[in-house]
C-alpha atoms as a PDB file:
ATOM      1  CA  ASN A   1      92.942  76.700  92.937  1.00  0.00           C
ATOM      2  CA  ARG A   2      92.985  79.526  90.372  1.00  0.00           C
ATOM      3  CA  GLY A   3      94.729  77.334  87.826  1.00  0.00           C
ATOM      4  CA  PHE A   4      94.760  77.599  84.048  1.00  0.00           C
ATOM      5  CA  LEU A   5      91.112  76.539  83.611  1.00  0.00           C
ATOM      6  CA  HIS A   6      89.944  79.098  86.159  1.00  0.00           C
ATOM      7  CA  ARG A   7      91.879  81.893  84.435  1.00  0.00           C
ATOM      8  CA  LEU A   8      90.649  80.822  81.000  1.00  0.00           C
ATOM      9  CA  THR A   9      86.977  80.712  81.948  1.00  0.00           C
ATOM     10  CA  ARG A  10      87.304  84.021  83.801  1.00  0.00           C
ATOM     11  CA  PHE A  11      88.839  85.603  80.700  1.00  0.00           C
ATOM     12  CA  ILE A  12      86.017  84.267  78.514  1.00  0.00           C
ATOM     13  CA  ARG A  13      83.341  85.509  80.930  1.00  0.00           C
ATOM     14  CA  ALA A  14      84.973  88.945  81.047  1.00  0.00           C
ATOM     15  CA  LYS A  15      85.036  89.207  77.241  1.00  0.00           C
ATOM     16  CA  HIS A  16      81.407  88.083  77.038  1.00  0.00           C
ATOM     17  CA  ASN A  17      80.285  90.581  79.684  1.00  0.00           C
ATOM     18  CA  CYS A  18      82.224  93.387  77.978  1.00  0.00           C
ATOM     19  CA  MET A  19      80.451  92.642  74.693  1.00  0.00           C
ATOM     20  CA  ILE A  20      77.041  92.706  76.415  1.00  0.00           C
ATOM     21  CA  VAL A  21      77.691  96.038  78.155  1.00  0.00           C
ATOM     22  CA  LYS A  22      78.965  97.616  74.908  1.00  0.00           C
ATOM     23  CA  GLU A  23      75.782  96.486  73.127  1.00  0.00           C
ATOM     24  CA  MET A  24      73.630  97.904  75.933  1.00  0.00           C
ATOM     25  CA  SER A  25      75.537 101.212  75.784  1.00  0.00           C
ATOM     26  CA  ALA A  26      75.089 101.440  72.021  1.00  0.00           C
ATOM     27  CA  ASN A  27      71.314 101.178  72.433  1.00  0.00           C
ATOM     28  CA  ALA A  28      70.969 103.393  75.509  1.00  0.00           C
ATOM     29  CA  LEU A  29      69.593 106.933  75.537  1.00  0.00           C
ATOM     30  CA  CYS A  30      72.450 107.923  77.843  1.00  0.00           C
ATOM     31  CA  VAL A  31      75.231 106.257  79.804  1.00  0.00           C
ATOM     32  CA  ILE A  32      76.417 107.167  83.303  1.00  0.00           C
ATOM     33  CA  GLY A  33      79.911 105.956  84.148  1.00  0.00           C
ATOM     34  CA  ILE A  34      82.202 105.982  87.160  1.00  0.00           C
ATOM     35  CA  GLY A  35      85.167 107.899  85.723  1.00  0.00           C
ATOM     36  CA  PRO A  36      86.056 108.419  82.053  1.00  0.00           C
ATOM     37  CA  GLU A  37      87.999 105.170  81.573  1.00  0.00           C
ATOM     38  CA  ILE A  38      84.876 103.032  82.032  1.00  0.00           C
ATOM     39  CA  LEU A  39      83.013 105.143  79.473  1.00  0.00           C
ATOM     40  CA  ASN A  40      85.951 104.936  77.049  1.00  0.00           C
ATOM     41  CA  LYS A  41      85.911 101.159  77.374  1.00  0.00           C
ATOM     42  CA  TYR A  42      82.194 100.427  77.252  1.00  0.00           C
ATOM     43  CA  ALA A  43      80.626 103.427  75.503  1.00  0.00           C
ATOM     44  CA  PRO A  44      83.245 104.954  73.186  1.00  0.00           C
ATOM     45  CA  ASN A  45      80.752 106.052  70.533  1.00  0.00           C
ATOM     46  CA  THR A  46      77.880 107.146  72.770  1.00  0.00           C
ATOM     47  CA  THR A  47      77.389 110.900  72.694  1.00  0.00           C
ATOM     48  CA  SER A  48      75.093 111.199  75.716  1.00  0.00           C
ATOM     49  CA  CYS A  49      77.404 110.351  78.620  1.00  0.00           C
ATOM     50  CA  LEU A  50      77.756 111.574  82.185  1.00  0.00           C
ATOM     51  CA  VAL A  51      81.015 111.046  84.060  1.00  0.00           C
ATOM     52  CA  SER A  52      80.418 110.574  87.772  1.00  0.00           C
ATOM     53  CA  THR A  53      82.282 109.331  90.834  1.00  0.00           C
ATOM     54  CA  ASN A  54      81.273 106.984  93.622  1.00  0.00           C
ATOM     55  CA  HIS A  55      82.421 109.004  96.622  1.00  0.00           C
ATOM     56  CA  LEU A  56      80.263 109.305  99.715  1.00  0.00           C
ATOM     57  CA  LEU A  57      81.366 112.683 101.076  1.00  0.00           C
ATOM     58  CA  SER A  58      79.574 115.985 100.744  1.00  0.00           C
ATOM     59  CA  GLU A  59      81.491 119.256 100.671  1.00  0.00           C
ATOM     60  CA  ARG A  60      80.442 120.151 104.206  1.00  0.00           C
ATOM     61  CA  GLU A  61      82.512 117.171 105.406  1.00  0.00           C
ATOM     62  CA  TYR A  62      85.687 118.391 103.680  1.00  0.00           C
ATOM     63  CA  HIS A  63      88.501 119.367 106.009  1.00  0.00           C
ATOM     64  CA  LYS A  64      90.545 122.509 105.389  1.00  0.00           C
ATOM     65  CA  ARG A  65      94.010 121.562 106.527  1.00  0.00           C
ATOM     66  CA  THR A  66      96.027 124.320 108.193  1.00  0.00           C
ATOM     67  CA  SER A  67      99.159 122.472 109.321  1.00  0.00           C
ATOM     68  CA  PHE A  68     101.345 120.413 107.007  1.00  0.00           C
ATOM     69  CA  GLU A  69     104.050 119.526 109.495  1.00  0.00           C
ATOM     70  CA  LEU A  70     104.952 115.845 109.225  1.00  0.00           C
ATOM     71  CA  HIS A  71     104.410 113.491 112.119  1.00  0.00           C
ATOM     72  CA  LYS A  72     107.440 112.012 113.781  1.00  0.00           C
ATOM     73  CA  PRO A  73     107.834 109.425 112.394  1.00  0.00           C
ATOM     74  CA  PRO A  74     105.914 110.276 109.185  1.00  0.00           C
ATOM     75  CA  ARG A  75     102.591 108.457 108.975  1.00  0.00           C
ATOM     76  CA  ILE A  76     101.716 106.525 105.802  1.00  0.00           C
ATOM     77  CA  LEU A  77      98.133 105.354 105.305  1.00  0.00           C
ATOM     78  CA  PHE A  78      96.520 102.599 103.243  1.00  0.00           C
ATOM     79  CA  VAL A  79      92.743 102.150 103.151  1.00  0.00           C
ATOM     80  CA  GLY A  80      91.119  99.280 101.271  1.00  0.00           C
ATOM     81  CA  ASP A  81      90.825  95.544 100.795  1.00  0.00           C
ATOM     82  CA  MET A  82      94.102  93.737 101.296  1.00  0.00           C
ATOM     83  CA  GLN A  83      94.125  91.747  98.087  1.00  0.00           C
ATOM     84  CA  ARG A  84      96.789  91.131  95.451  1.00  0.00           C
ATOM     85  CA  ARG A  85      95.186  93.563  93.008  1.00  0.00           C
ATOM     86  CA  LYS A  86      95.924  96.379  95.483  1.00  0.00           C
ATOM     87  CA  GLY A  87      99.660  95.946  94.904  1.00  0.00           C
ATOM     88  CA  LEU A  88     100.490  95.841  98.599  1.00  0.00           C
ATOM     89  CA  THR A  89     103.446  93.485  98.154  1.00  0.00           C
ATOM     90  CA  TYR A  90     105.148  96.245  96.131  1.00  0.00           C
ATOM     91  CA  LEU A  91     104.424  98.793  98.853  1.00  0.00           C
ATOM     92  CA  PHE A  92     105.889  96.526 101.528  1.00  0.00           C
ATOM     93  CA  GLU A  93     108.987  95.860  99.407  1.00  0.00           C
ATOM     94  CA  ALA A  94     109.420  99.626  99.115  1.00  0.00           C
ATOM     95  CA  LEU A  95     109.076 100.055 102.866  1.00  0.00           C
ATOM     96  CA  ALA A  96     111.638  97.311 103.464  1.00  0.00           C
ATOM     97  CA  GLU A  97     114.055  99.319 101.318  1.00  0.00           C
ATOM     98  CA  LEU A  98     113.265 102.519 103.252  1.00  0.00           C
ATOM     99  CA  LYS A  99     113.938 100.638 106.482  1.00  0.00           C
ATOM    100  CA  PHE A 100     117.273  99.436 105.065  1.00  0.00           C
ATOM    101  CA  MET A 101     118.085 103.075 104.206  1.00  0.00           C
ATOM    102  CA  GLY A 102     117.487 104.043 107.833  1.00  0.00           C
ATOM    103  CA  ARG A 103     114.243 105.926 107.162  1.00  0.00           C
ATOM    104  CA  GLU A 104     111.719 106.025 109.991  1.00  0.00           C
ATOM    105  CA  PHE A 105     108.004 105.730 109.225  1.00  0.00           C
ATOM    106  CA  GLU A 106     104.699 104.455 110.583  1.00  0.00           C
ATOM    107  CA  LEU A 107     102.336 102.582 108.273  1.00  0.00           C
ATOM    108  CA  VAL A 108      98.654 102.340 109.202  1.00  0.00           C
ATOM    109  CA  MET A 109      96.729  99.642 107.326  1.00  0.00           C
ATOM    110  CA  VAL A 110      92.942 100.124 107.417  1.00  0.00           C
ATOM    111  CA  GLY A 111      90.982  97.200 106.011  1.00  0.00           C
ATOM    112  CA  SER A 112      91.035  93.433 105.865  1.00  0.00           C
ATOM    113  CA  GLY A 113      91.611  90.684 103.341  1.00  0.00           C
ATOM    114  CA  PRO A 114      93.518  87.521 102.451  1.00  0.00           C
ATOM    115  CA  LEU A 115      96.946  89.205 102.356  1.00  0.00           C
ATOM    116  CA  VAL A 116      97.041  90.330 105.993  1.00  0.00           C
ATOM    117  CA  GLU A 117      99.054  87.384 107.313  1.00  0.00           C
ATOM    118  CA  THR A 118     101.413  87.462 104.328  1.00  0.00           C
ATOM    119  CA  LEU A 119     102.121  91.152 104.842  1.00  0.00           C
ATOM    120  CA  GLN A 120     102.582  90.709 108.575  1.00  0.00           C
ATOM    121  CA  ALA A 121     105.073  87.892 108.000  1.00  0.00           C
ATOM    122  CA  PHE A 122     106.961  89.920 105.394  1.00  0.00           C
ATOM    123  CA  SER A 123     107.277  93.008 107.611  1.00  0.00           C
ATOM    124  CA  LYS A 124     108.512  90.825 110.462  1.00  0.00           C
ATOM    125  CA  SER A 125     111.106  89.096 108.279  1.00  0.00           C
ATOM    126  CA  LYS A 126     112.406  92.484 107.067  1.00  0.00           C
ATOM    127  CA  GLY A 127     112.539  94.000 110.550  1.00  0.00           C
ATOM    128  CA  PHE A 128     109.863  96.691 110.327  1.00  0.00           C
ATOM    129  CA  SER A 129     106.814  94.981 111.863  1.00  0.00           C
ATOM    130  CA  ASP A 130     106.937  97.460 114.768  1.00  0.00           C
ATOM    131  CA  SER A 131     106.369 100.241 112.225  1.00  0.00           C
ATOM    132  CA  VAL A 132     103.185  98.697 110.789  1.00  0.00           C
ATOM    133  CA  LYS A 133      99.790  98.849 112.450  1.00  0.00           C
ATOM    134  CA  PHE A 134      96.913  96.709 111.137  1.00  0.00           C
ATOM    135  CA  VAL A 135      93.674  98.196 112.486  1.00  0.00           C
ATOM    136  CA  GLY A 136      91.185  96.052 110.553  1.00  0.00           C
ATOM    137  CA  ARG A 137      88.058  97.178 108.762  1.00  0.00           C
ATOM    138  CA  VAL A 138      86.658 100.535 109.875  1.00  0.00           C
ATOM    139  CA  ASP A 139      83.117 101.662 109.054  1.00  0.00           C
ATOM    140  CA  HIS A 140      82.736 104.681 106.833  1.00  0.00           C
ATOM    141  CA  GLY A 141      82.309 107.707 109.063  1.00  0.00           C
ATOM    142  CA  GLU A 142      84.137 109.705 111.685  1.00  0.00           C
ATOM    143  CA  ASP A 143      86.343 106.823 112.870  1.00  0.00           C
ATOM    144  CA  LEU A 144      87.646 106.347 109.334  1.00  0.00           C
ATOM    145  CA  PHE A 145      87.994 110.079 108.746  1.00  0.00           C
ATOM    146  CA  SER A 146      90.206 110.383 111.832  1.00  0.00           C
ATOM    147  CA  TYR A 147      92.801 108.154 110.171  1.00  0.00           C
ATOM    148  CA  PHE A 148      92.929 110.480 107.164  1.00  0.00           C
ATOM    149  CA  ARG A 149      93.268 113.567 109.362  1.00  0.00           C
ATOM    150  CA  SER A 150      96.177 112.046 111.270  1.00  0.00           C
ATOM    151  CA  SER A 151      98.162 110.839 108.231  1.00  0.00           C
ATOM    152  CA  ASP A 152     100.849 112.472 106.113  1.00  0.00           C
ATOM    153  CA  VAL A 153     100.299 110.562 102.868  1.00  0.00           C
ATOM    154  CA  LEU A 154      97.938 107.958 101.423  1.00  0.00           C
ATOM    155  CA  VAL A 155      99.436 105.237  99.234  1.00  0.00           C
ATOM    156  CA  LEU A 156      97.297 103.200  96.828  1.00  0.00           C
ATOM    157  CA  PRO A 157      99.669 100.946  94.825  1.00  0.00           C
ATOM    158  CA  SER A 158      96.964  99.032  92.925  1.00  0.00           C
ATOM    159  CA  VAL A 159      97.912  96.897  89.931  1.00  0.00           C
ATOM    160  CA  ALA A 160      94.390  96.198  88.582  1.00  0.00           C
ATOM    161  CA  SER A 161      90.648  96.784  88.910  1.00  0.00           C
ATOM    162  CA  GLU A 162      90.400 100.416  89.948  1.00  0.00           C
ATOM    163  CA  GLY A 163      87.874 102.968  88.723  1.00  0.00           C
ATOM    164  CA  VAL A 164      87.592 106.101  90.860  1.00  0.00           C
ATOM    165  CA  PRO A 165      88.626 104.926  94.343  1.00  0.00           C
ATOM    166  CA  ARG A 166      86.860 106.412  97.356  1.00  0.00           C
ATOM    167  CA  ALA A 167      90.040 106.285  99.452  1.00  0.00           C
ATOM    168  CA  THR A 168      91.890 108.678  97.143  1.00  0.00           C
ATOM    169  CA  HIS A 169      88.934 111.061  97.015  1.00  0.00           C
ATOM    170  CA  GLU A 170      88.636 111.061 100.803  1.00  0.00           C
ATOM    171  CA  ALA A 171      92.371 111.636 101.239  1.00  0.00           C
ATOM    172  CA  MET A 172      92.172 114.747  99.047  1.00  0.00           C
ATOM    173  CA  ALA A 173      89.032 115.892 100.877  1.00  0.00           C
ATOM    174  CA  PHE A 174      91.028 115.871 104.125  1.00  0.00           C
ATOM    175  CA  GLY A 175      94.135 117.528 102.687  1.00  0.00           C
ATOM    176  CA  VAL A 176      96.259 114.381 102.504  1.00  0.00           C
ATOM    177  CA  PRO A 177      98.558 114.027  99.467  1.00  0.00           C
ATOM    178  CA  VAL A 178      98.168 110.817  97.470  1.00  0.00           C
ATOM    179  CA  ILE A 179     100.629 108.416  95.884  1.00  0.00           C
ATOM    180  CA  ALA A 180      98.711 106.144  93.524  1.00  0.00           C
ATOM    181  CA  THR A 181      99.276 104.011  90.459  1.00  0.00           C
ATOM    182  CA  ASP A 182      98.002 105.017  87.030  1.00  0.00           C
ATOM    183  CA  ILE A 183      95.127 102.508  86.988  1.00  0.00           C
ATOM    184  CA  GLY A 184      91.597 103.154  85.749  1.00  0.00           C
ATOM    185  CA  SER A 185      90.555 106.785  86.212  1.00  0.00           C
ATOM    186  CA  ILE A 186      92.896 107.565  89.123  1.00  0.00           C
ATOM    187  CA  GLY A 187      94.935 109.964  86.978  1.00  0.00           C
ATOM    188  CA  TRP A 188      91.771 111.842  86.004  1.00  0.00           C
ATOM    189  CA  GLN A 189      90.731 111.908  89.671  1.00  0.00           C
ATOM    190  CA  LEU A 190      94.020 113.295  91.012  1.00  0.00           C
ATOM    191  CA  GLY A 191      94.333 115.895  88.280  1.00  0.00           C
ATOM    192  CA  SER A 192      97.532 117.935  88.206  1.00  0.00           C
ATOM    193  CA  ASP A 193      97.937 118.638  91.921  1.00  0.00           C
ATOM    194  CA  GLY A 194      96.128 116.011  94.003  1.00  0.00           C
ATOM    195  CA  GLY A 195      99.079 113.692  94.330  1.00  0.00           C
ATOM    196  CA  ILE A 196     101.805 111.728  92.603  1.00  0.00           C
ATOM    197  CA  LEU A 197     100.888 109.270  89.855  1.00  0.00           C
ATOM    198  CA  ILE A 198     103.249 106.302  89.406  1.00  0.00           C
ATOM    199  CA  PRO A 199     103.274 103.195  87.175  1.00  0.00           C
ATOM    200  CA  PRO A 200     102.031  99.912  88.688  1.00  0.00           C
ATOM    201  CA  PHE A 201     104.362  97.036  89.664  1.00  0.00           C
ATOM    202  CA  ASN A 202     107.188  99.492  90.365  1.00  0.00           C
ATOM    203  CA  VAL A 203     108.864  99.396  93.774  1.00  0.00           C
ATOM    204  CA  LYS A 204     111.460 102.008  92.779  1.00  0.00           C
ATOM    205  CA  LYS A 205     108.791 104.584  91.890  1.00  0.00           C
ATOM    206  CA  ILE A 206     106.987 104.013  95.203  1.00  0.00           C
ATOM    207  CA  ILE A 207     110.243 104.682  97.049  1.00  0.00           C
ATOM    208  CA  GLU A 208     110.952 107.825  95.010  1.00  0.00           C
ATOM    209  CA  ALA A 209     107.446 109.201  95.590  1.00  0.00           C
ATOM    210  CA  LEU A 210     107.557 108.514  99.331  1.00  0.00           C
ATOM    211  CA  LEU A 211     110.979 110.151  99.683  1.00  0.00           C
ATOM    212  CA  TYR A 212     109.796 113.149  97.684  1.00  0.00           C
ATOM    213  CA  ILE A 213     106.913 113.768 100.105  1.00  0.00           C
ATOM    214  CA  LEU A 214     108.693 112.783 103.323  1.00  0.00           C
ATOM    215  CA  GLN A 215     111.739 114.928 102.562  1.00  0.00           C
ATOM    216  CA  ASP A 216     109.871 118.055 101.504  1.00  0.00           C
ATOM    217  CA  GLU A 217     107.070 119.308 103.730  1.00  0.00           C
ATOM    218  CA  ASP A 218     106.362 122.176 101.333  1.00  0.00           C
END
């Protein structure tokens, strides 16, 4: 039931695995890592390193966006597993506040996971369930890409366990601005102009970032 013993043994296993990977990195000819944060953690003193990503798109699939007019209502997109580490409860609390402020929006949730029913119940209790669409898991390809093309902003409010997410890369590839938490190598991925970086666990910052994008098409 994910009690104290579960958390303790998981912590011990994580420390043990970290030690093993660091030892392997120290004895490797070179290390390839997904984003710089993983290399900083596991191979801080290894000179022969290659920073890579795990995205699946080639440049010929990138979409040059020509219109930046917002949908009516503005369309917010989430793509990923609906687990606690994705910080979705904070996103939904932010949307409840936007609803209370009288802001119109449409949230499209692409993916599946154990939080679906919880999120559905929360949106219903706060009166914005009609503004949320759960579409389930969508295979990587044109069907998924169509959701990016038809969205105004991607939100990834993760609170843990992120490296270089594919969803944020794909959003940028299709000209969709990103709001994401400063977890793992997301800041390195977004750079200075790919989106808005916010701290995790912060409903207020999610609201501010959403209002900034939804109020200013430029």
